[in-house]
Amino acid sequence: MLAEEPLPPDLLAIAREVLLKDLLPALPPDKAFAARMVANAMAIAARSSEEGDAEARLAALASDARSLATDIRAGRFDPGTPQHGEAAALLDDITRARCLVSAPRALG
């Protein structure tokens, strides 16, 4: 199934931009802090939605994160095994996605 544009993270980004650029300047000062909190929550939600791809890739390797950890400890994804590259890339992507949500400045 093809996704229609704009995608949900894009919609959140557009709405956040409107909030910050168009609405925030028009708000009374006592409402500005709340508007910035809403904008930050929208940014977090947009970044969080990008984790869905990693979840699908995780499902292809193991039934859940706990099983993946067990398989890693058992050596199933050690260097030289058929799925090493896939597991290593997945772990890197999950780590980056979580950093993008909780600490985006740490990556860039």
N, C-alpha and C. Protein backbone atom coordinates (compact mmCIF):
# COMPACT_ATOMS: atom_id res chain seq x y z
N MET A 1 0.84 -1.18 0.00
CA MET A 1 0.00 0.00 0.00
C MET A 1 0.88 1.24 0.00
N LEU A 2 0.60 2.16 -0.90
CA LEU A 2 1.36 3.39 -0.96
C LEU A 2 0.80 4.39 0.03
N ALA A 3 1.72 5.06 0.71
CA ALA A 3 1.30 6.09 1.66
C ALA A 3 0.98 7.36 0.91
N GLU A 4 -0.03 8.05 1.37
CA GLU A 4 -0.40 9.31 0.76
C GLU A 4 0.40 10.43 1.41
N GLU A 5 0.74 11.41 0.60
CA GLU A 5 1.47 12.57 1.11
C GLU A 5 0.45 13.62 1.54
N PRO A 6 0.72 14.40 2.53
CA PRO A 6 1.86 14.29 3.45
C PRO A 6 1.63 13.19 4.48
N LEU A 7 2.72 12.62 4.93
CA LEU A 7 2.67 11.58 5.95
C LEU A 7 2.41 12.20 7.32
N PRO A 8 1.94 11.40 8.29
CA PRO A 8 1.63 11.95 9.61
C PRO A 8 2.76 12.77 10.25
N PRO A 9 4.02 12.32 10.20
CA PRO A 9 5.06 13.17 10.79
C PRO A 9 5.17 14.53 10.09
N ASP A 10 4.92 14.53 8.77
CA ASP A 10 4.96 15.79 8.02
C ASP A 10 3.82 16.70 8.43
N LEU A 11 2.65 16.11 8.64
CA LEU A 11 1.50 16.91 9.09
C LEU A 11 1.77 17.54 10.45
N LEU A 12 2.37 16.76 11.35
CA LEU A 12 2.71 17.32 12.66
C LEU A 12 3.73 18.45 12.53
N ALA A 13 4.70 18.29 11.65
CA ALA A 13 5.71 19.33 11.45
C ALA A 13 5.08 20.60 10.89
N ILE A 14 4.17 20.45 9.94
CA ILE A 14 3.48 21.61 9.36
C ILE A 14 2.64 22.32 10.43
N ALA A 15 1.88 21.54 11.20
CA ALA A 15 1.05 22.12 12.24
C ALA A 15 1.91 22.82 13.29
N ARG A 16 3.04 22.22 13.63
CA ARG A 16 3.94 22.83 14.62
C ARG A 16 4.49 24.15 14.11
N GLU A 17 4.85 24.17 12.84
CA GLU A 17 5.38 25.41 12.25
C GLU A 17 4.32 26.52 12.27
N VAL A 18 3.09 26.17 11.93
CA VAL A 18 2.00 27.16 11.98
C VAL A 18 1.81 27.66 13.40
N LEU A 19 1.83 26.75 14.36
CA LEU A 19 1.67 27.13 15.76
C LEU A 19 2.76 28.12 16.18
N LEU A 20 4.01 27.78 15.86
CA LEU A 20 5.13 28.62 16.30
C LEU A 20 5.24 29.94 15.55
N LYS A 21 5.01 29.90 14.24
CA LYS A 21 5.23 31.11 13.43
C LYS A 21 4.01 32.02 13.32
N ASP A 22 2.82 31.42 13.26
CA ASP A 22 1.62 32.22 13.03
C ASP A 22 0.80 32.46 14.29
N LEU A 23 0.62 31.43 15.10
CA LEU A 23 -0.27 31.55 16.25
C LEU A 23 0.44 32.08 17.50
N LEU A 24 1.62 31.58 17.78
CA LEU A 24 2.33 31.98 18.99
C LEU A 24 2.52 33.50 19.10
N PRO A 25 2.93 34.17 18.03
CA PRO A 25 3.09 35.63 18.16
C PRO A 25 1.79 36.37 18.47
N ALA A 26 0.66 35.77 18.11
CA ALA A 26 -0.64 36.41 18.35
C ALA A 26 -1.21 36.09 19.73
N LEU A 27 -0.60 35.16 20.44
CA LEU A 27 -1.11 34.78 21.76
C LEU A 27 -0.67 35.77 22.83
N PRO A 28 -1.51 35.91 23.86
CA PRO A 28 -1.07 36.73 24.99
C PRO A 28 0.12 36.06 25.69
N PRO A 29 0.99 36.85 26.31
CA PRO A 29 2.20 36.30 26.93
C PRO A 29 1.94 35.16 27.91
N ASP A 30 0.83 35.18 28.62
CA ASP A 30 0.56 34.13 29.60
C ASP A 30 0.19 32.80 28.94
N LYS A 31 -0.05 32.78 27.64
CA LYS A 31 -0.35 31.55 26.91
C LYS A 31 0.83 31.04 26.08
N ALA A 32 1.89 31.83 25.98
CA ALA A 32 3.03 31.48 25.12
C ALA A 32 3.73 30.22 25.61
N PHE A 33 3.92 30.08 26.91
CA PHE A 33 4.60 28.91 27.44
C PHE A 33 3.83 27.64 27.10
N ALA A 34 2.52 27.67 27.28
CA ALA A 34 1.69 26.50 26.97
C ALA A 34 1.78 26.17 25.48
N ALA A 35 1.80 27.18 24.63
CA ALA A 35 1.89 26.94 23.18
C ALA A 35 3.24 26.31 22.83
N ARG A 36 4.31 26.74 23.48
CA ARG A 36 5.62 26.15 23.22
C ARG A 36 5.66 24.69 23.69
N MET A 37 4.99 24.41 24.82
CA MET A 37 4.92 23.02 25.29
C MET A 37 4.18 22.15 24.28
N VAL A 38 3.10 22.65 23.72
CA VAL A 38 2.35 21.91 22.71
C VAL A 38 3.23 21.69 21.48
N ALA A 39 3.98 22.70 21.06
CA ALA A 39 4.87 22.58 19.91
C ALA A 39 5.94 21.53 20.17
N ASN A 40 6.49 21.51 21.36
CA ASN A 40 7.51 20.50 21.70
C ASN A 40 6.90 19.10 21.69
N ALA A 41 5.70 18.96 22.22
CA ALA A 41 5.03 17.66 22.22
C ALA A 41 4.76 17.19 20.79
N MET A 42 4.42 18.11 19.91
CA MET A 42 4.19 17.76 18.51
C MET A 42 5.48 17.27 17.85
N ALA A 43 6.59 17.92 18.17
CA ALA A 43 7.88 17.50 17.62
C ALA A 43 8.26 16.11 18.11
N ILE A 44 8.03 15.84 19.38
CA ILE A 44 8.32 14.52 19.95
C ILE A 44 7.44 13.46 19.29
N ALA A 45 6.16 13.76 19.11
CA ALA A 45 5.25 12.82 18.48
C ALA A 45 5.66 12.52 17.04
N ALA A 46 6.09 13.55 16.32
CA ALA A 46 6.53 13.34 14.94
C ALA A 46 7.75 12.44 14.89
N ARG A 47 8.70 12.68 15.78
CA ARG A 47 9.90 11.85 15.80
C ARG A 47 9.57 10.44 16.26
N SER A 48 8.66 10.30 17.20
CA SER A 48 8.28 8.97 17.70
C SER A 48 7.63 8.12 16.61
N SER A 49 6.89 8.75 15.75
CA SER A 49 6.19 7.98 14.71
C SER A 49 7.17 7.34 13.74
N GLU A 50 8.40 7.82 13.69
CA GLU A 50 9.40 7.26 12.80
C GLU A 50 9.94 5.93 13.31
N GLU A 51 9.63 5.56 14.56
CA GLU A 51 10.11 4.30 15.11
C GLU A 51 9.36 3.10 14.55
N GLY A 52 8.24 3.30 13.88
CA GLY A 52 7.45 2.19 13.35
C GLY A 52 8.22 1.29 12.42
N ASP A 53 9.09 1.86 11.59
CA ASP A 53 9.90 1.06 10.67
C ASP A 53 10.80 0.12 11.44
N ALA A 54 11.42 0.61 12.49
CA ALA A 54 12.31 -0.24 13.29
C ALA A 54 11.52 -1.37 13.94
N GLU A 55 10.31 -1.11 14.35
CA GLU A 55 9.49 -2.15 14.96
C GLU A 55 9.19 -3.26 13.96
N ALA A 56 8.92 -2.90 12.73
CA ALA A 56 8.64 -3.91 11.70
C ALA A 56 9.90 -4.73 11.41
N ARG A 57 11.05 -4.07 11.39
CA ARG A 57 12.30 -4.79 11.17
C ARG A 57 12.63 -5.70 12.35
N LEU A 58 12.30 -5.25 13.55
CA LEU A 58 12.52 -6.09 14.74
C LEU A 58 11.68 -7.36 14.61
N ALA A 59 10.45 -7.21 14.19
CA ALA A 59 9.56 -8.37 14.06
C ALA A 59 10.11 -9.38 13.05
N ALA A 60 10.85 -8.91 12.06
CA ALA A 60 11.43 -9.82 11.09
C ALA A 60 12.58 -10.64 11.67
N LEU A 61 13.22 -10.12 12.72
CA LEU A 61 14.35 -10.82 13.34
C LEU A 61 13.96 -11.66 14.55
N ALA A 62 13.01 -11.15 15.33
CA ALA A 62 12.63 -11.83 16.57
C ALA A 62 11.20 -11.44 16.90
N SER A 63 10.57 -12.21 17.78
CA SER A 63 9.17 -11.94 18.11
C SER A 63 9.00 -10.65 18.90
N ASP A 64 9.99 -10.27 19.67
CA ASP A 64 9.93 -9.03 20.44
C ASP A 64 11.34 -8.64 20.89
N ALA A 65 11.46 -7.50 21.54
CA ALA A 65 12.78 -7.01 21.96
C ALA A 65 13.46 -7.97 22.94
N ARG A 66 12.69 -8.57 23.80
CA ARG A 66 13.27 -9.51 24.78
C ARG A 66 13.88 -10.72 24.06
N SER A 67 13.16 -11.23 23.07
CA SER A 67 13.68 -12.36 22.30
C SER A 67 14.93 -11.98 21.52
N LEU A 68 14.93 -10.76 20.98
CA LEU A 68 16.11 -10.28 20.27
C LEU A 68 17.31 -10.24 21.22
N ALA A 69 17.11 -9.71 22.42
CA ALA A 69 18.19 -9.65 23.40
C ALA A 69 18.70 -11.05 23.75
N THR A 70 17.79 -11.99 23.92
CA THR A 70 18.17 -13.37 24.22
C THR A 70 18.99 -13.96 23.07
N ASP A 71 18.53 -13.69 21.83
CA ASP A 71 19.25 -14.20 20.66
C ASP A 71 20.63 -13.56 20.54
N ILE A 72 20.75 -12.29 20.87
CA ILE A 72 22.05 -11.61 20.82
C ILE A 72 23.00 -12.26 21.83
N ARG A 73 22.50 -12.45 23.07
CA ARG A 73 23.34 -13.08 24.10
C ARG A 73 23.75 -14.50 23.71
N ALA A 74 22.90 -15.18 22.97
CA ALA A 74 23.19 -16.56 22.55
C ALA A 74 24.13 -16.60 21.34
N GLY A 75 24.45 -15.46 20.78
CA GLY A 75 25.39 -15.41 19.66
C GLY A 75 24.76 -15.54 18.29
N ARG A 76 23.43 -15.50 18.21
CA ARG A 76 22.76 -15.70 16.93
C ARG A 76 23.11 -14.61 15.91
N PHE A 77 23.46 -13.41 16.38
CA PHE A 77 23.75 -12.30 15.49
C PHE A 77 25.21 -11.86 15.56
N ASP A 78 26.08 -12.72 16.02
CA ASP A 78 27.51 -12.41 16.11
C ASP A 78 28.08 -12.14 14.72
N PRO A 79 29.21 -11.40 14.67
CA PRO A 79 29.86 -11.18 13.37
C PRO A 79 30.10 -12.52 12.67
N GLY A 80 29.82 -12.54 11.39
CA GLY A 80 29.98 -13.76 10.61
C GLY A 80 28.70 -14.55 10.46
N THR A 81 27.68 -14.26 11.27
CA THR A 81 26.40 -14.95 11.12
C THR A 81 25.60 -14.27 10.01
N PRO A 82 24.67 -14.99 9.39
CA PRO A 82 23.94 -14.44 8.24
C PRO A 82 23.19 -13.13 8.54
N GLN A 83 22.67 -12.97 9.75
CA GLN A 83 21.86 -11.79 10.04
C GLN A 83 22.59 -10.75 10.89
N HIS A 84 23.90 -10.86 11.00
CA HIS A 84 24.66 -9.90 11.81
C HIS A 84 24.44 -8.46 11.35
N GLY A 85 24.64 -8.22 10.06
CA GLY A 85 24.51 -6.87 9.52
C GLY A 85 23.13 -6.29 9.74
N GLU A 86 22.12 -7.12 9.53
CA GLU A 86 20.74 -6.68 9.69
C GLU A 86 20.45 -6.32 11.16
N ALA A 87 20.91 -7.16 12.08
CA ALA A 87 20.69 -6.90 13.51
C ALA A 87 21.47 -5.66 13.96
N ALA A 88 22.70 -5.53 13.51
CA ALA A 88 23.51 -4.37 13.90
C ALA A 88 22.89 -3.08 13.38
N ALA A 89 22.42 -3.08 12.13
CA ALA A 89 21.78 -1.89 11.56
C ALA A 89 20.49 -1.56 12.30
N LEU A 90 19.72 -2.59 12.65
CA LEU A 90 18.49 -2.38 13.40
C LEU A 90 18.77 -1.74 14.75
N LEU A 91 19.74 -2.28 15.48
CA LEU A 91 20.07 -1.73 16.80
C LEU A 91 20.55 -0.28 16.68
N ASP A 92 21.33 0.01 15.66
CA ASP A 92 21.79 1.38 15.43
C ASP A 92 20.60 2.30 15.14
N ASP A 93 19.68 1.85 14.29
CA ASP A 93 18.51 2.66 13.94
C ASP A 93 17.59 2.87 15.13
N ILE A 94 17.40 1.84 15.95
CA ILE A 94 16.56 1.99 17.15
C ILE A 94 17.19 3.00 18.10
N THR A 95 18.49 2.91 18.28
CA THR A 95 19.19 3.84 19.17
C THR A 95 19.05 5.27 18.66
N ARG A 96 19.27 5.45 17.37
CA ARG A 96 19.15 6.80 16.78
C ARG A 96 17.72 7.32 16.89
N ALA A 97 16.74 6.47 16.64
CA ALA A 97 15.34 6.89 16.73
C ALA A 97 14.98 7.32 18.14
N ARG A 98 15.46 6.57 19.12
CA ARG A 98 15.17 6.94 20.51
C ARG A 98 15.88 8.22 20.91
N CYS A 99 17.09 8.41 20.41
CA CYS A 99 17.80 9.67 20.67
C CYS A 99 17.09 10.85 20.00
N LEU A 100 16.57 10.63 18.79
CA LEU A 100 15.84 11.69 18.12
C LEU A 100 14.62 12.13 18.91
N VAL A 101 13.99 11.18 19.61
CA VAL A 101 12.82 11.51 20.41
C VAL A 101 13.22 12.22 21.69
N SER A 102 14.17 11.66 22.41
CA SER A 102 14.46 12.17 23.74
C SER A 102 15.58 13.19 23.79
N ALA A 103 16.54 13.13 22.87
CA ALA A 103 17.68 14.04 22.91
C ALA A 103 18.20 14.30 21.49
N PRO A 104 17.42 14.97 20.65
CA PRO A 104 17.81 15.15 19.25
C PRO A 104 19.12 15.90 19.08
N ARG A 105 19.46 16.77 19.98
CA ARG A 105 20.72 17.53 19.87
C ARG A 105 21.93 16.62 20.04
N ALA A 106 21.75 15.48 20.69
CA ALA A 106 22.88 14.56 20.91
C ALA A 106 23.39 13.97 19.59
N LEU A 107 22.54 13.96 18.57
CA LEU A 107 22.92 13.37 17.29
C LEU A 107 23.46 14.37 16.29
N GLY A 108 23.35 15.63 16.61
CA GLY A 108 23.70 16.50 15.54
C GLY A 108 24.43 17.70 15.79
